[in-house]
Amino acid sequence: MTAPIELYYWPTPNGWKVSIALEEMGLPYNLNLVNIGKGEQFEPDFLKISPNNRMPAIIDPEGPDGAPISIFESGAILQYLARKTGQFCGPTQRDRIAVDQWLMWQMGGLGPMAGQAHHFLKYAPQMDPPQELPYAQDRYRNEVGRLHRVLDTQLGQTEYVAGDFFSIADMAIWPWAILWEGQQQDISDKPNLKRWLDLVGERPAVQAGKAVAAENRGGIQTKEEQKILFGQK
């Protein structure tokens, strides 16, 4: 029997990527919550697993050659799990290249840009004193809109992001794209994006992965949480 993977997680878009992958791949896992609002991501034991103090991270007790391995960075985790199981990485070498490039597009583009949009549009105005920064708000709102147009164009040519097959690229992009309202986006003119959001969202394993520890998802509520998340140097 496969030994459970240890998942270090909090219910955010980056966390959802890995919980969705584990559910889709049918891999057993133990849930270890890392409360980022309380600063648990800075604890020494977690930093041994994720030196960049970010979740998600995993420990696979049955890593390469049967030896345990810890992995941080959600994109690296997705690639590792896809290789480990032989699932969701594309049926051909060309397909795998397409999957990797769209995964990198999310890691270097949509994720960071959408994250900054959330910060400047939602959290910064709630700070003490409030930080209303129109240039930053416009910059990241507009860049997310551009990335959504890129995605909508791609999805006009393929059923899923990397082709006519569901992959880790979809698992990486969907958790950020589904939060378009919080990024102050309008997808009414992006029918391909909307179709894909619904298509992926109907998958039972995606729903199960997104539901993991959902009761803990409440946003950044207090000044102390803001200080922990946004004041670290």
Protein backbone atom coordinates (compact mmCIF):
# COMPACT_ATOMS: atom_id res chain seq x y z
CA MET A 1 0.00 0.00 0.00
CA THR A 2 1.24 3.47 -0.89
CA ALA A 3 2.34 5.47 2.16
CA PRO A 4 0.42 8.75 2.56
CA ILE A 5 2.02 11.96 1.39
CA GLU A 6 2.30 14.65 4.05
CA LEU A 7 0.62 17.80 2.71
CA TYR A 8 1.45 21.14 4.32
CA TYR A 9 -1.42 23.36 3.33
CA TRP A 10 -3.69 26.33 3.85
CA PRO A 11 -6.83 26.93 1.74
CA THR A 12 -5.48 29.44 -0.77
CA PRO A 13 -5.19 29.18 -4.57
CA ASN A 14 -1.65 27.83 -4.29
CA GLY A 15 -2.77 25.31 -1.69
CA TRP A 16 -5.71 24.23 -3.84
CA LYS A 17 -3.38 23.31 -6.69
CA VAL A 18 -1.83 20.49 -4.70
CA SER A 19 -4.93 19.30 -2.85
CA ILE A 20 -6.69 19.09 -6.24
CA ALA A 21 -3.78 17.16 -7.73
CA LEU A 22 -3.71 14.66 -4.86
CA GLU A 23 -7.46 14.11 -5.20
CA GLU A 24 -7.30 13.79 -9.00
CA MET A 25 -4.40 11.36 -8.81
CA GLY A 26 -6.00 9.28 -6.08
CA LEU A 27 -2.97 9.58 -3.81
CA PRO A 28 -3.46 9.15 -0.05
CA TYR A 29 -2.31 12.11 2.03
CA ASN A 30 -2.24 13.44 5.56
CA LEU A 31 -3.28 17.04 6.00
CA ASN A 32 -0.99 19.35 7.99
CA LEU A 33 -2.48 22.83 8.27
CA VAL A 34 -0.07 25.76 8.13
CA ASN A 35 -1.98 28.77 9.43
CA ILE A 36 -0.39 31.61 7.49
CA GLY A 37 -2.39 34.20 9.43
CA LYS A 38 -0.70 33.05 12.65
CA GLY A 39 2.75 32.89 11.09
CA GLU A 40 3.15 29.12 11.25
CA GLN A 41 4.97 29.25 7.89
CA PHE A 42 7.93 30.85 9.71
CA GLU A 43 8.37 28.08 12.27
CA PRO A 44 11.76 26.31 12.10
CA ASP A 45 10.32 22.85 11.47
CA PHE A 46 8.36 24.11 8.47
CA LEU A 47 11.34 26.07 7.11
CA LYS A 48 13.26 22.78 6.93
CA ILE A 49 10.66 21.67 4.38
CA SER A 50 9.94 25.00 2.70
CA PRO A 51 12.90 27.40 3.13
CA ASN A 52 11.03 30.19 1.31
CA ASN A 53 8.39 30.14 4.10
CA ARG A 54 5.56 29.49 1.68
CA MET A 55 3.02 26.73 1.52
CA PRO A 56 2.11 24.32 0.04
CA ALA A 57 4.85 21.80 0.57
CA ILE A 58 4.89 18.02 0.71
CA ILE A 59 6.92 15.18 2.11
CA ASP A 60 6.68 11.97 0.14
CA PRO A 61 7.93 9.06 2.26
CA GLU A 62 8.29 7.03 -0.93
CA GLY A 63 10.33 9.40 -3.05
CA PRO A 64 12.95 8.56 -5.70
CA ASP A 65 14.65 5.24 -4.99
CA GLY A 66 12.20 4.72 -2.16
CA ALA A 67 13.78 7.40 0.02
CA PRO A 68 11.72 10.24 1.53
CA ILE A 69 11.79 13.63 -0.19
CA SER A 70 10.41 17.05 0.71
CA ILE A 71 9.33 19.45 -2.03
CA PHE A 72 8.31 23.10 -1.94
CA GLU A 73 6.91 25.39 -4.69
CA SER A 74 3.51 24.36 -6.00
CA GLY A 75 4.61 24.04 -9.62
CA ALA A 76 7.50 21.75 -8.69
CA ILE A 77 5.13 19.67 -6.56
CA LEU A 78 2.70 19.30 -9.47
CA GLN A 79 5.47 18.23 -11.83
CA TYR A 80 6.79 15.73 -9.28
CA LEU A 81 3.39 14.17 -8.64
CA ALA A 82 2.65 13.97 -12.37
CA ARG A 83 5.95 12.19 -13.01
CA LYS A 84 5.48 9.92 -9.98
CA THR A 85 2.06 8.75 -11.11
CA GLY A 86 2.38 9.14 -14.88
CA GLN A 87 -0.85 11.14 -14.84
CA PHE A 88 -1.96 14.55 -16.09
CA CYS A 89 1.34 15.50 -17.73
CA GLY A 90 0.25 14.91 -21.32
CA PRO A 91 0.17 11.73 -23.44
CA THR A 92 3.04 12.68 -25.79
CA GLN A 93 6.34 14.54 -25.53
CA ARG A 94 4.88 17.51 -27.40
CA ASP A 95 1.91 17.52 -25.05
CA ARG A 96 4.23 17.48 -22.03
CA ILE A 97 6.06 20.52 -23.39
CA ALA A 98 2.72 22.32 -23.76
CA VAL A 99 1.78 21.39 -20.20
CA ASP A 100 5.09 22.66 -18.85
CA GLN A 101 4.93 25.98 -20.68
CA TRP A 102 1.40 26.73 -19.45
CA LEU A 103 2.37 25.68 -15.95
CA MET A 104 5.29 28.15 -16.10
CA TRP A 105 2.89 30.77 -17.47
CA GLN A 106 0.83 30.41 -14.33
CA MET A 107 3.80 30.36 -11.98
CA GLY A 108 5.46 33.41 -13.53
CA GLY A 109 2.39 35.30 -14.73
CA LEU A 110 -1.16 34.71 -13.61
CA GLY A 111 -0.36 33.66 -10.04
CA PRO A 112 1.93 36.57 -9.11
CA MET A 113 -0.11 39.17 -10.99
CA ALA A 114 -3.45 38.00 -9.58
CA GLY A 115 -1.90 37.83 -6.12
CA GLN A 116 -0.76 41.45 -6.40
CA ALA A 117 -4.18 42.45 -7.70
CA HIS A 118 -5.80 40.87 -4.64
CA HIS A 119 -3.32 42.66 -2.38
CA PHE A 120 -3.73 46.16 -3.76
CA LEU A 121 -7.46 45.93 -4.49
CA LYS A 122 -8.61 44.10 -1.34
CA TYR A 123 -6.06 44.12 1.46
CA ALA A 124 -4.08 47.35 1.09
CA PRO A 125 -7.20 49.58 1.39
CA GLN A 126 -7.99 47.86 4.73
CA MET A 127 -4.60 48.62 6.27
CA ASP A 128 -4.02 51.16 9.01
CA PRO A 129 -3.59 53.68 7.54
CA PRO A 130 -5.43 52.62 4.37
CA GLN A 131 -3.23 52.22 1.31
CA GLU A 132 -5.25 53.31 -1.72
CA LEU A 133 -2.74 53.20 -4.55
CA PRO A 134 -4.50 53.80 -7.88
CA TYR A 135 -1.38 53.19 -9.98
CA ALA A 136 -0.75 49.78 -8.39
CA GLN A 137 -4.43 48.88 -8.57
CA ASP A 138 -4.64 49.75 -12.26
CA ARG A 139 -1.31 48.09 -13.03
CA TYR A 140 -2.24 44.69 -11.64
CA ARG A 141 -5.93 44.81 -12.59
CA ASN A 142 -4.95 45.52 -16.19
CA GLU A 143 -2.23 42.87 -16.28
CA VAL A 144 -4.61 40.21 -14.98
CA GLY A 145 -7.06 41.27 -17.67
CA ARG A 146 -4.36 40.87 -20.32
CA LEU A 147 -3.49 37.40 -19.02
CA HIS A 148 -7.15 36.43 -19.04
CA ARG A 149 -7.33 37.44 -22.70
CA VAL A 150 -4.31 35.25 -23.44
CA LEU A 151 -6.01 32.36 -21.66
CA ASP A 152 -9.34 32.93 -23.39
CA THR A 153 -7.61 32.93 -26.78
CA GLN A 154 -5.85 29.65 -26.00
CA LEU A 155 -9.07 28.06 -24.77
CA GLY A 156 -10.74 29.00 -28.03
CA GLN A 157 -8.40 26.49 -29.70
CA THR A 158 -8.30 23.65 -27.15
CA GLU A 159 -10.71 22.08 -24.68
CA TYR A 160 -8.28 22.40 -21.79
CA VAL A 161 -5.34 24.74 -21.40
CA ALA A 162 -2.55 22.61 -22.88
CA GLY A 163 -4.68 20.63 -25.31
CA ASP A 164 -7.71 18.37 -25.42
CA PHE A 165 -6.74 16.68 -22.16
CA PHE A 166 -6.92 17.70 -18.50
CA SER A 167 -3.49 18.31 -16.97
CA ILE A 168 -1.54 19.81 -14.11
CA ALA A 169 -1.58 23.07 -16.08
CA ASP A 170 -5.34 23.24 -15.56
CA MET A 171 -4.89 22.36 -11.88
CA ALA A 172 -2.43 25.25 -11.50
CA ILE A 173 -4.37 27.91 -13.41
CA TRP A 174 -7.95 27.22 -12.35
CA PRO A 175 -7.57 28.12 -8.64
CA TRP A 176 -6.36 31.61 -9.57
CA ALA A 177 -8.68 32.14 -12.53
CA ILE A 178 -11.79 31.18 -10.54
CA LEU A 179 -11.22 34.22 -8.31
CA TRP A 180 -11.71 36.68 -11.17
CA GLU A 181 -14.30 38.74 -9.27
CA GLY A 182 -11.85 39.51 -6.47
CA GLN A 183 -9.37 40.60 -9.14
CA GLN A 184 -12.05 43.01 -10.44
CA GLN A 185 -12.28 41.32 -13.82
CA ASP A 186 -15.12 41.03 -16.32
CA ILE A 187 -15.26 37.67 -18.10
CA SER A 188 -18.54 38.30 -19.91
CA ASP A 189 -16.51 38.88 -23.09
CA LYS A 190 -14.40 35.75 -22.54
CA PRO A 191 -16.70 32.82 -23.36
CA ASN A 192 -13.89 30.31 -23.70
CA LEU A 193 -12.54 31.13 -20.25
CA LYS A 194 -16.00 30.88 -18.72
CA ARG A 195 -16.62 27.52 -20.42
CA TRP A 196 -13.35 26.16 -19.07
CA LEU A 197 -13.92 27.48 -15.54
CA ASP A 198 -17.24 25.65 -15.46
CA LEU A 199 -15.82 22.51 -17.08
CA VAL A 200 -12.98 22.15 -14.60
CA GLY A 201 -15.15 23.18 -11.67
CA GLU A 202 -17.56 20.31 -12.38
CA ARG A 203 -14.88 17.67 -11.80
CA PRO A 204 -15.55 15.84 -8.50
CA ALA A 205 -11.86 15.70 -7.55
CA VAL A 206 -11.46 19.44 -8.19
CA GLN A 207 -14.43 20.10 -5.94
CA ALA A 208 -12.99 17.80 -3.28
CA GLY A 209 -9.56 19.42 -3.45
CA LYS A 210 -10.97 22.93 -3.20
CA ALA A 211 -13.10 21.88 -0.22
CA VAL A 212 -10.11 20.78 1.89
CA ALA A 213 -10.14 22.82 5.12
CA ALA A 214 -12.53 25.29 3.48
CA GLU A 215 -13.83 26.29 6.91
CA ASN A 216 -10.47 27.99 7.53
CA ARG A 217 -10.73 30.28 4.51
CA GLY A 218 -11.78 33.66 5.83
CA GLY A 219 -9.34 36.16 4.41
CA ILE A 220 -6.97 38.38 6.40
CA GLN A 221 -9.13 39.66 9.22
CA THR A 222 -6.92 41.41 11.76
CA LYS A 223 -4.07 43.92 11.90
CA GLU A 224 -1.88 41.25 13.45
CA GLU A 225 -2.50 38.94 10.50
CA GLN A 226 -1.69 41.79 8.11
CA LYS A 227 1.57 42.42 9.96
CA ILE A 228 2.52 38.74 9.81
CA LEU A 229 1.73 38.35 6.11
CA PHE A 230 2.71 41.70 4.69
CA GLY A 231 5.30 43.04 7.14
CA GLN A 232 7.96 40.33 6.98
CA LYS A 233 11.41 41.31 5.76
